[in-house]
Amino acid sequence: MNTTISKDKITLLTKKGMKEFKREIVQLENDKQRVLKSLRDLDKTMGRDERLSRIELLAELDIIDSKIDDKKLVLSTSKLLPKKRSQIRVAIGSVVDLIDRHGHFFRFKLVDSVEADPSDGRISTLSPLGKNLIGKSIKDTVEWGNGKRINQFQLVRIT
């Protein structure tokens, strides 16, 4: 997840998204402790190979710190999605049921881009499908595609 967040932008997250961010921060903090321990162990031996390892570990530590800062910034500017959502029009936080022209059923939840994970059924409101779903009502037809192929879905339910 690429997190380019400004301090004045409020990010709406699901409970699951909040938990994932907190879990990722804990994991990154553990990784940071592991790298710091490796650095302390390297400080005891300072051969040429160890100096190169130290440079690599410092770079890894810098990346971890950056990721921790980004995730903490997202959490500090986040609010939970409102529980009450319109079931008439699609908005961020809506769960939509779609059927394609072959009768295949799809269910997606519209979320902020920092929480999007299409393999888990969470799509960004900034994605092509997400943009086309916003504001739609039940029985509306939604089209999206990559230029060569246009996909058509019918919106059958909003929760």
N, C-alpha and C. Protein backbone atom coordinates (compact mmCIF):
# COMPACT_ATOMS: atom_id res chain seq x y z
N MET A 1 0.82 -1.18 0.00
CA MET A 1 0.00 0.00 0.00
C MET A 1 0.87 1.24 0.00
N ASN A 2 0.66 2.07 -0.96
CA ASN A 2 1.40 3.32 -1.02
C ASN A 2 0.59 4.38 -0.29
N THR A 3 1.20 5.00 0.72
CA THR A 3 0.47 5.95 1.54
C THR A 3 1.04 7.34 1.37
N THR A 4 0.43 8.11 0.50
CA THR A 4 0.81 9.51 0.32
C THR A 4 -0.30 10.33 0.94
N ILE A 5 -0.13 10.70 2.19
CA ILE A 5 -1.18 11.35 2.95
C ILE A 5 -0.69 12.69 3.45
N SER A 6 -1.54 13.69 3.37
CA SER A 6 -1.18 14.97 3.96
C SER A 6 -1.84 15.06 5.33
N LYS A 7 -1.30 15.92 6.17
CA LYS A 7 -1.79 16.04 7.54
C LYS A 7 -3.19 16.61 7.61
N ASP A 8 -3.65 17.31 6.58
CA ASP A 8 -4.97 17.93 6.64
C ASP A 8 -6.05 17.10 5.95
N LYS A 9 -5.72 15.96 5.37
CA LYS A 9 -6.69 15.10 4.71
C LYS A 9 -7.18 14.03 5.68
N ILE A 10 -8.47 13.93 5.83
CA ILE A 10 -9.04 12.90 6.69
C ILE A 10 -9.26 11.65 5.85
N THR A 11 -8.78 10.53 6.35
CA THR A 11 -8.93 9.25 5.68
C THR A 11 -10.00 8.46 6.40
N LEU A 12 -10.98 7.96 5.65
CA LEU A 12 -12.03 7.14 6.24
C LEU A 12 -11.63 5.68 6.09
N LEU A 13 -11.55 4.97 7.21
CA LEU A 13 -11.15 3.57 7.21
C LEU A 13 -12.24 2.70 7.83
N THR A 14 -12.29 1.46 7.39
CA THR A 14 -13.16 0.48 8.04
C THR A 14 -12.47 0.00 9.32
N LYS A 15 -13.22 -0.71 10.17
CA LYS A 15 -12.60 -1.28 11.38
C LYS A 15 -11.46 -2.21 10.99
N LYS A 16 -11.71 -3.01 9.95
CA LYS A 16 -10.69 -3.94 9.47
C LYS A 16 -9.45 -3.19 9.02
N GLY A 17 -9.64 -2.08 8.31
CA GLY A 17 -8.51 -1.28 7.85
C GLY A 17 -7.71 -0.70 9.01
N MET A 18 -8.41 -0.21 10.03
CA MET A 18 -7.73 0.33 11.23
C MET A 18 -6.89 -0.76 11.89
N LYS A 19 -7.49 -1.94 12.05
CA LYS A 19 -6.77 -3.06 12.68
C LYS A 19 -5.55 -3.44 11.86
N GLU A 20 -5.69 -3.47 10.53
CA GLU A 20 -4.57 -3.84 9.67
C GLU A 20 -3.42 -2.84 9.81
N PHE A 21 -3.75 -1.54 9.83
CA PHE A 21 -2.71 -0.53 9.98
C PHE A 21 -2.00 -0.69 11.32
N LYS A 22 -2.75 -0.92 12.39
CA LYS A 22 -2.14 -1.10 13.71
C LYS A 22 -1.27 -2.35 13.74
N ARG A 23 -1.76 -3.43 13.12
CA ARG A 23 -0.99 -4.68 13.07
C ARG A 23 0.30 -4.48 12.28
N GLU A 24 0.21 -3.76 11.16
CA GLU A 24 1.40 -3.50 10.34
C GLU A 24 2.42 -2.65 11.10
N ILE A 25 1.96 -1.69 11.89
CA ILE A 25 2.87 -0.87 12.69
C ILE A 25 3.59 -1.74 13.71
N VAL A 26 2.86 -2.63 14.37
CA VAL A 26 3.48 -3.54 15.35
C VAL A 26 4.53 -4.41 14.66
N GLN A 27 4.20 -4.94 13.49
CA GLN A 27 5.14 -5.78 12.75
C GLN A 27 6.39 -4.98 12.36
N LEU A 28 6.18 -3.74 11.90
CA LEU A 28 7.33 -2.90 11.53
C LEU A 28 8.18 -2.56 12.75
N GLU A 29 7.55 -2.33 13.90
CA GLU A 29 8.30 -2.06 15.13
C GLU A 29 9.15 -3.28 15.51
N ASN A 30 8.59 -4.48 15.33
CA ASN A 30 9.34 -5.71 15.59
C ASN A 30 10.52 -5.83 14.62
N ASP A 31 10.27 -5.52 13.35
CA ASP A 31 11.35 -5.56 12.35
C ASP A 31 12.45 -4.56 12.72
N LYS A 32 12.04 -3.40 13.19
CA LYS A 32 13.00 -2.36 13.59
C LYS A 32 13.88 -2.86 14.74
N GLN A 33 13.26 -3.52 15.72
CA GLN A 33 14.02 -4.05 16.86
C GLN A 33 15.02 -5.12 16.39
N ARG A 34 14.58 -5.95 15.43
CA ARG A 34 15.47 -6.99 14.88
C ARG A 34 16.68 -6.35 14.21
N VAL A 35 16.45 -5.30 13.41
CA VAL A 35 17.55 -4.62 12.71
C VAL A 35 18.48 -3.94 13.72
N LEU A 36 17.90 -3.30 14.72
CA LEU A 36 18.72 -2.64 15.74
C LEU A 36 19.60 -3.65 16.47
N LYS A 37 19.05 -4.83 16.76
CA LYS A 37 19.84 -5.88 17.42
C LYS A 37 20.98 -6.33 16.52
N SER A 38 20.69 -6.49 15.23
CA SER A 38 21.73 -6.88 14.28
C SER A 38 22.82 -5.82 14.22
N LEU A 39 22.42 -4.54 14.26
CA LEU A 39 23.41 -3.45 14.25
C LEU A 39 24.29 -3.50 15.50
N ARG A 40 23.68 -3.75 16.65
CA ARG A 40 24.46 -3.84 17.90
C ARG A 40 25.45 -5.00 17.82
N ASP A 41 25.00 -6.12 17.26
CA ASP A 41 25.89 -7.28 17.13
C ASP A 41 27.04 -6.98 16.17
N LEU A 42 26.76 -6.23 15.11
CA LEU A 42 27.81 -5.87 14.15
C LEU A 42 28.83 -4.90 14.75
N ASP A 43 28.37 -4.05 15.66
CA ASP A 43 29.28 -3.08 16.27
C ASP A 43 30.41 -3.77 17.05
N LYS A 44 30.18 -5.00 17.44
CA LYS A 44 31.20 -5.75 18.20
C LYS A 44 32.33 -6.23 17.30
N THR A 45 32.02 -6.40 16.02
CA THR A 45 33.04 -6.80 15.05
C THR A 45 33.01 -5.80 13.91
N MET A 46 34.14 -5.23 13.58
CA MET A 46 34.13 -4.19 12.55
C MET A 46 35.10 -4.47 11.40
N GLY A 47 34.95 -5.61 10.77
CA GLY A 47 35.73 -5.90 9.57
C GLY A 47 35.09 -5.23 8.36
N ARG A 48 35.70 -5.40 7.19
CA ARG A 48 35.20 -4.77 5.97
C ARG A 48 33.80 -5.28 5.62
N ASP A 49 33.60 -6.59 5.67
CA ASP A 49 32.30 -7.17 5.35
C ASP A 49 31.23 -6.69 6.32
N GLU A 50 31.60 -6.53 7.57
CA GLU A 50 30.65 -6.07 8.57
C GLU A 50 30.25 -4.62 8.32
N ARG A 51 31.17 -3.81 7.82
CA ARG A 51 30.84 -2.42 7.50
C ARG A 51 29.80 -2.35 6.38
N LEU A 52 29.95 -3.23 5.37
CA LEU A 52 28.96 -3.28 4.29
C LEU A 52 27.60 -3.74 4.82
N SER A 53 27.62 -4.74 5.68
CA SER A 53 26.37 -5.21 6.29
C SER A 53 25.73 -4.10 7.11
N ARG A 54 26.57 -3.33 7.80
CA ARG A 54 26.06 -2.22 8.61
C ARG A 54 25.35 -1.18 7.72
N ILE A 55 25.94 -0.87 6.57
CA ILE A 55 25.33 0.09 5.66
C ILE A 55 23.98 -0.43 5.17
N GLU A 56 23.91 -1.72 4.83
CA GLU A 56 22.66 -2.32 4.39
C GLU A 56 21.61 -2.27 5.50
N LEU A 57 22.02 -2.58 6.74
CA LEU A 57 21.09 -2.56 7.86
C LEU A 57 20.60 -1.14 8.15
N LEU A 58 21.49 -0.15 8.02
CA LEU A 58 21.07 1.23 8.23
C LEU A 58 20.05 1.67 7.17
N ALA A 59 20.24 1.23 5.93
CA ALA A 59 19.29 1.53 4.87
C ALA A 59 17.94 0.87 5.15
N GLU A 60 17.98 -0.39 5.60
CA GLU A 60 16.75 -1.10 5.95
C GLU A 60 16.04 -0.41 7.10
N LEU A 61 16.81 0.04 8.09
CA LEU A 61 16.24 0.74 9.24
C LEU A 61 15.56 2.04 8.80
N ASP A 62 16.18 2.75 7.86
CA ASP A 62 15.61 3.99 7.35
C ASP A 62 14.27 3.72 6.64
N ILE A 63 14.21 2.65 5.86
CA ILE A 63 12.98 2.28 5.16
C ILE A 63 11.89 1.93 6.16
N ILE A 64 12.23 1.14 7.17
CA ILE A 64 11.26 0.75 8.19
C ILE A 64 10.73 1.97 8.92
N ASP A 65 11.63 2.87 9.33
CA ASP A 65 11.20 4.09 10.02
C ASP A 65 10.25 4.92 9.15
N SER A 66 10.55 5.01 7.87
CA SER A 66 9.70 5.76 6.95
C SER A 66 8.31 5.13 6.85
N LYS A 67 8.25 3.80 6.75
CA LYS A 67 6.96 3.11 6.67
C LYS A 67 6.17 3.31 7.97
N ILE A 68 6.85 3.23 9.11
CA ILE A 68 6.18 3.43 10.39
C ILE A 68 5.59 4.84 10.45
N ASP A 69 6.38 5.83 10.07
CA ASP A 69 5.90 7.22 10.08
C ASP A 69 4.69 7.39 9.16
N ASP A 70 4.74 6.81 7.95
CA ASP A 70 3.62 6.91 7.01
C ASP A 70 2.35 6.30 7.60
N LYS A 71 2.47 5.11 8.17
CA LYS A 71 1.30 4.43 8.71
C LYS A 71 0.74 5.16 9.93
N LYS A 72 1.62 5.70 10.77
CA LYS A 72 1.16 6.47 11.93
C LYS A 72 0.46 7.74 11.48
N LEU A 73 0.95 8.36 10.41
CA LEU A 73 0.30 9.56 9.88
C LEU A 73 -1.09 9.22 9.37
N VAL A 74 -1.23 8.11 8.66
CA VAL A 74 -2.55 7.69 8.17
C VAL A 74 -3.49 7.49 9.36
N LEU A 75 -3.02 6.77 10.38
CA LEU A 75 -3.88 6.53 11.55
C LEU A 75 -4.25 7.82 12.27
N SER A 76 -3.30 8.76 12.35
CA SER A 76 -3.58 10.00 13.07
C SER A 76 -4.58 10.89 12.32
N THR A 77 -4.72 10.69 11.03
CA THR A 77 -5.66 11.50 10.25
C THR A 77 -6.87 10.67 9.82
N SER A 78 -7.10 9.55 10.48
CA SER A 78 -8.18 8.65 10.07
C SER A 78 -9.37 8.71 11.02
N LYS A 79 -10.51 8.41 10.44
CA LYS A 79 -11.75 8.24 11.19
C LYS A 79 -12.38 6.95 10.69
N LEU A 80 -13.18 6.34 11.55
CA LEU A 80 -13.92 5.16 11.12
C LEU A 80 -15.03 5.58 10.16
N LEU A 81 -15.29 4.73 9.18
CA LEU A 81 -16.41 4.99 8.28
C LEU A 81 -17.69 5.07 9.09
N PRO A 82 -18.58 5.97 8.76
CA PRO A 82 -19.84 6.04 9.50
C PRO A 82 -20.63 4.75 9.35
N LYS A 83 -21.29 4.35 10.44
CA LYS A 83 -22.08 3.11 10.40
C LYS A 83 -23.33 3.30 9.55
N LYS A 84 -23.91 4.48 9.63
CA LYS A 84 -25.11 4.77 8.84
C LYS A 84 -24.70 5.23 7.46
N ARG A 85 -25.06 4.45 6.47
CA ARG A 85 -24.78 4.81 5.09
C ARG A 85 -26.08 4.70 4.29
N SER A 86 -26.14 5.46 3.27
CA SER A 86 -27.31 5.41 2.40
C SER A 86 -27.36 4.06 1.69
N GLN A 87 -28.55 3.49 1.66
CA GLN A 87 -28.72 2.27 0.88
C GLN A 87 -29.40 2.59 -0.45
N ILE A 88 -29.49 3.88 -0.73
CA ILE A 88 -30.10 4.32 -1.98
C ILE A 88 -29.03 4.65 -3.02
N ARG A 89 -27.96 5.31 -2.58
CA ARG A 89 -26.87 5.69 -3.47
C ARG A 89 -25.54 5.15 -2.95
N VAL A 90 -24.65 4.77 -3.85
CA VAL A 90 -23.34 4.24 -3.50
C VAL A 90 -22.44 5.38 -3.03
N ALA A 91 -21.74 5.16 -1.91
CA ALA A 91 -20.79 6.13 -1.37
C ALA A 91 -19.63 5.35 -0.75
N ILE A 92 -18.61 6.07 -0.28
CA ILE A 92 -17.50 5.39 0.38
C ILE A 92 -18.05 4.61 1.58
N GLY A 93 -17.63 3.38 1.72
CA GLY A 93 -18.10 2.50 2.78
C GLY A 93 -19.24 1.60 2.36
N SER A 94 -19.85 1.86 1.21
CA SER A 94 -20.95 1.02 0.73
C SER A 94 -20.42 -0.35 0.30
N VAL A 95 -21.22 -1.36 0.56
CA VAL A 95 -20.97 -2.69 0.02
C VAL A 95 -21.95 -2.86 -1.12
N VAL A 96 -21.43 -3.18 -2.30
CA VAL A 96 -22.29 -3.29 -3.48
C VAL A 96 -22.25 -4.71 -4.03
N ASP A 97 -23.41 -5.16 -4.49
CA ASP A 97 -23.52 -6.44 -5.17
C ASP A 97 -23.77 -6.14 -6.64
N LEU A 98 -22.96 -6.75 -7.50
CA LEU A 98 -23.03 -6.52 -8.94
C LEU A 98 -23.18 -7.84 -9.66
N ILE A 99 -23.86 -7.79 -10.81
CA ILE A 99 -23.97 -8.97 -11.67
C ILE A 99 -23.52 -8.56 -13.06
N ASP A 100 -22.64 -9.37 -13.66
CA ASP A 100 -22.21 -9.05 -15.03
C ASP A 100 -23.19 -9.67 -16.03
N ARG A 101 -22.94 -9.46 -17.30
CA ARG A 101 -23.88 -9.92 -18.32
C ARG A 101 -23.90 -11.44 -18.47
N HIS A 102 -22.94 -12.13 -17.84
CA HIS A 102 -22.92 -13.60 -17.87
C HIS A 102 -23.56 -14.19 -16.62
N GLY A 103 -24.05 -13.32 -15.74
CA GLY A 103 -24.71 -13.79 -14.53
C GLY A 103 -23.77 -14.02 -13.36
N HIS A 104 -22.50 -13.64 -13.49
CA HIS A 104 -21.55 -13.79 -12.39
C HIS A 104 -21.78 -12.70 -11.36
N PHE A 105 -21.71 -13.10 -10.10
CA PHE A 105 -21.98 -12.21 -8.97
C PHE A 105 -20.67 -11.68 -8.39
N PHE A 106 -20.63 -10.40 -8.06
CA PHE A 106 -19.45 -9.78 -7.45
C PHE A 106 -19.91 -8.91 -6.29
N ARG A 107 -19.12 -8.92 -5.22
CA ARG A 107 -19.40 -8.06 -4.07
C ARG A 107 -18.13 -7.27 -3.75
N PHE A 108 -18.28 -5.96 -3.64
CA PHE A 108 -17.17 -5.08 -3.32
C PHE A 108 -17.56 -4.10 -2.23
N LYS A 109 -16.56 -3.70 -1.47
CA LYS A 109 -16.74 -2.61 -0.51
C LYS A 109 -15.89 -1.45 -1.00
N LEU A 110 -16.48 -0.25 -1.07
CA LEU A 110 -15.75 0.93 -1.53
C LEU A 110 -15.04 1.56 -0.34
N VAL A 111 -13.72 1.72 -0.47
CA VAL A 111 -12.89 2.23 0.61
C VAL A 111 -11.92 3.28 0.08
N ASP A 112 -11.24 3.96 1.00
CA ASP A 112 -10.20 4.92 0.62
C ASP A 112 -9.05 4.14 -0.01
N SER A 113 -8.28 4.80 -0.85
CA SER A 113 -7.21 4.12 -1.60
C SER A 113 -6.15 3.48 -0.70
N VAL A 114 -5.90 4.02 0.52
CA VAL A 114 -4.88 3.43 1.38
C VAL A 114 -5.30 2.08 1.93
N GLU A 115 -6.58 1.78 1.89
CA GLU A 115 -7.10 0.52 2.42
C GLU A 115 -7.47 -0.48 1.33
N ALA A 116 -7.44 -0.06 0.09
CA ALA A 116 -7.90 -0.90 -1.01
C ALA A 116 -7.11 -2.19 -1.12
N ASP A 117 -7.82 -3.28 -1.35
CA ASP A 117 -7.24 -4.60 -1.57
C ASP A 117 -8.24 -5.40 -2.38
N PRO A 118 -8.19 -5.30 -3.71
CA PRO A 118 -9.18 -5.97 -4.54
C PRO A 118 -9.29 -7.47 -4.30
N SER A 119 -8.19 -8.12 -3.92
CA SER A 119 -8.25 -9.56 -3.67
C SER A 119 -9.10 -9.88 -2.44
N ASP A 120 -9.33 -8.86 -1.60
CA ASP A 120 -10.17 -9.02 -0.41
C ASP A 120 -11.54 -8.36 -0.60
N GLY A 121 -11.81 -7.91 -1.83
CA GLY A 121 -13.11 -7.31 -2.12
C GLY A 121 -13.24 -5.85 -1.74
N ARG A 122 -12.12 -5.20 -1.41
CA ARG A 122 -12.14 -3.77 -1.06
C ARG A 122 -11.52 -2.99 -2.22
N ILE A 123 -12.34 -2.17 -2.88
CA ILE A 123 -11.82 -1.39 -4.00
C ILE A 123 -11.84 0.09 -3.66
N SER A 124 -10.89 0.79 -4.22
CA SER A 124 -10.74 2.22 -3.97
C SER A 124 -11.82 3.01 -4.70
N THR A 125 -12.24 4.09 -4.06
CA THR A 125 -13.18 5.00 -4.71
C THR A 125 -12.51 5.74 -5.85
N LEU A 126 -11.18 5.64 -5.94
CA LEU A 126 -10.44 6.29 -7.02
C LEU A 126 -10.15 5.33 -8.19
N SER A 127 -10.47 4.05 -8.01
CA SER A 127 -10.27 3.08 -9.10
C SER A 127 -11.31 3.34 -10.18
N PRO A 128 -11.07 2.85 -11.40
CA PRO A 128 -12.06 3.05 -12.48
C PRO A 128 -13.46 2.54 -12.10
N LEU A 129 -13.54 1.35 -11.52
CA LEU A 129 -14.84 0.82 -11.12
C LEU A 129 -15.42 1.64 -9.97
N GLY A 130 -14.58 1.95 -8.99
CA GLY A 130 -15.04 2.74 -7.84
C GLY A 130 -15.60 4.08 -8.24
N LYS A 131 -14.89 4.78 -9.15
CA LYS A 131 -15.36 6.09 -9.63
C LYS A 131 -16.73 5.97 -10.30
N ASN A 132 -16.92 4.90 -11.07
CA ASN A 132 -18.19 4.73 -11.77
C ASN A 132 -19.32 4.29 -10.84
N LEU A 133 -18.98 3.68 -9.72
CA LEU A 133 -20.02 3.25 -8.79
C LEU A 133 -20.55 4.39 -7.93
N ILE A 134 -19.71 5.34 -7.58
CA ILE A 134 -20.11 6.43 -6.68
C ILE A 134 -21.34 7.15 -7.23
N GLY A 135 -22.37 7.25 -6.39
CA GLY A 135 -23.60 7.96 -6.76
C GLY A 135 -24.63 7.10 -7.48
N LYS A 136 -24.28 5.87 -7.83
CA LYS A 136 -25.22 5.01 -8.55
C LYS A 136 -26.29 4.47 -7.61
N SER A 137 -27.41 4.05 -8.20
CA SER A 137 -28.53 3.48 -7.46
C SER A 137 -28.76 2.04 -7.91
N ILE A 138 -29.59 1.32 -7.16
CA ILE A 138 -29.92 -0.06 -7.52
C ILE A 138 -30.55 -0.07 -8.92
N LYS A 139 -30.21 -1.07 -9.68
CA LYS A 139 -30.64 -1.32 -11.07
C LYS A 139 -29.88 -0.47 -12.09
N ASP A 140 -28.99 0.42 -11.64
CA ASP A 140 -28.17 1.18 -12.58
C ASP A 140 -27.14 0.25 -13.22
N THR A 141 -26.75 0.57 -14.43
CA THR A 141 -25.71 -0.16 -15.12
C THR A 141 -24.40 0.60 -14.94
N VAL A 142 -23.36 -0.14 -14.61
CA VAL A 142 -22.05 0.44 -14.38
C VAL A 142 -21.11 -0.12 -15.43
N GLU A 143 -20.39 0.77 -16.11
CA GLU A 143 -19.43 0.34 -17.12
C GLU A 143 -18.03 0.80 -16.71
N TRP A 144 -17.07 -0.03 -16.98
CA TRP A 144 -15.68 0.36 -16.77
C TRP A 144 -14.82 -0.56 -17.62
N GLY A 145 -13.65 -0.10 -17.96
CA GLY A 145 -12.78 -0.92 -18.77
C GLY A 145 -11.42 -0.29 -18.94
N ASN A 146 -10.59 -0.99 -19.69
CA ASN A 146 -9.22 -0.53 -19.91
C ASN A 146 -9.01 0.06 -21.29
N GLY A 147 -10.07 0.40 -21.97
CA GLY A 147 -9.96 0.97 -23.31
C GLY A 147 -10.24 -0.05 -24.39
N LYS A 148 -9.71 -1.25 -24.27
CA LYS A 148 -9.93 -2.31 -25.26
C LYS A 148 -11.23 -3.07 -24.98
N ARG A 149 -11.48 -3.28 -23.71
CA ARG A 149 -12.63 -4.10 -23.32
C ARG A 149 -13.44 -3.34 -22.29
N ILE A 150 -14.73 -3.26 -22.51
CA ILE A 150 -15.63 -2.59 -21.58
C ILE A 150 -16.40 -3.66 -20.81
N ASN A 151 -16.36 -3.56 -19.48
CA ASN A 151 -17.12 -4.47 -18.62
C ASN A 151 -18.40 -3.76 -18.20
N GLN A 152 -19.50 -4.52 -18.17
CA GLN A 152 -20.78 -3.96 -17.76
C GLN A 152 -21.32 -4.78 -16.60
N PHE A 153 -21.75 -4.05 -15.57
CA PHE A 153 -22.36 -4.68 -14.40
C PHE A 153 -23.68 -4.01 -14.12
N GLN A 154 -24.59 -4.78 -13.54
CA GLN A 154 -25.81 -4.17 -13.03
C GLN A 154 -25.73 -4.18 -11.52
N LEU A 155 -26.04 -3.03 -10.93
CA LEU A 155 -26.00 -2.87 -9.48
C LEU A 155 -27.31 -3.45 -8.93
N VAL A 156 -27.20 -4.49 -8.10
CA VAL A 156 -28.41 -5.16 -7.61
C VAL A 156 -28.66 -4.91 -6.12
N ARG A 157 -27.62 -4.47 -5.37
CA ARG A 157 -27.85 -4.25 -3.95
C ARG A 157 -26.78 -3.32 -3.38
N ILE A 158 -27.20 -2.46 -2.46
CA ILE A 158 -26.30 -1.57 -1.76
C ILE A 158 -26.55 -1.76 -0.26
N THR A 159 -25.48 -2.03 0.49
CA THR A 159 -25.63 -2.15 1.96
C THR A 159 -24.56 -1.33 2.64
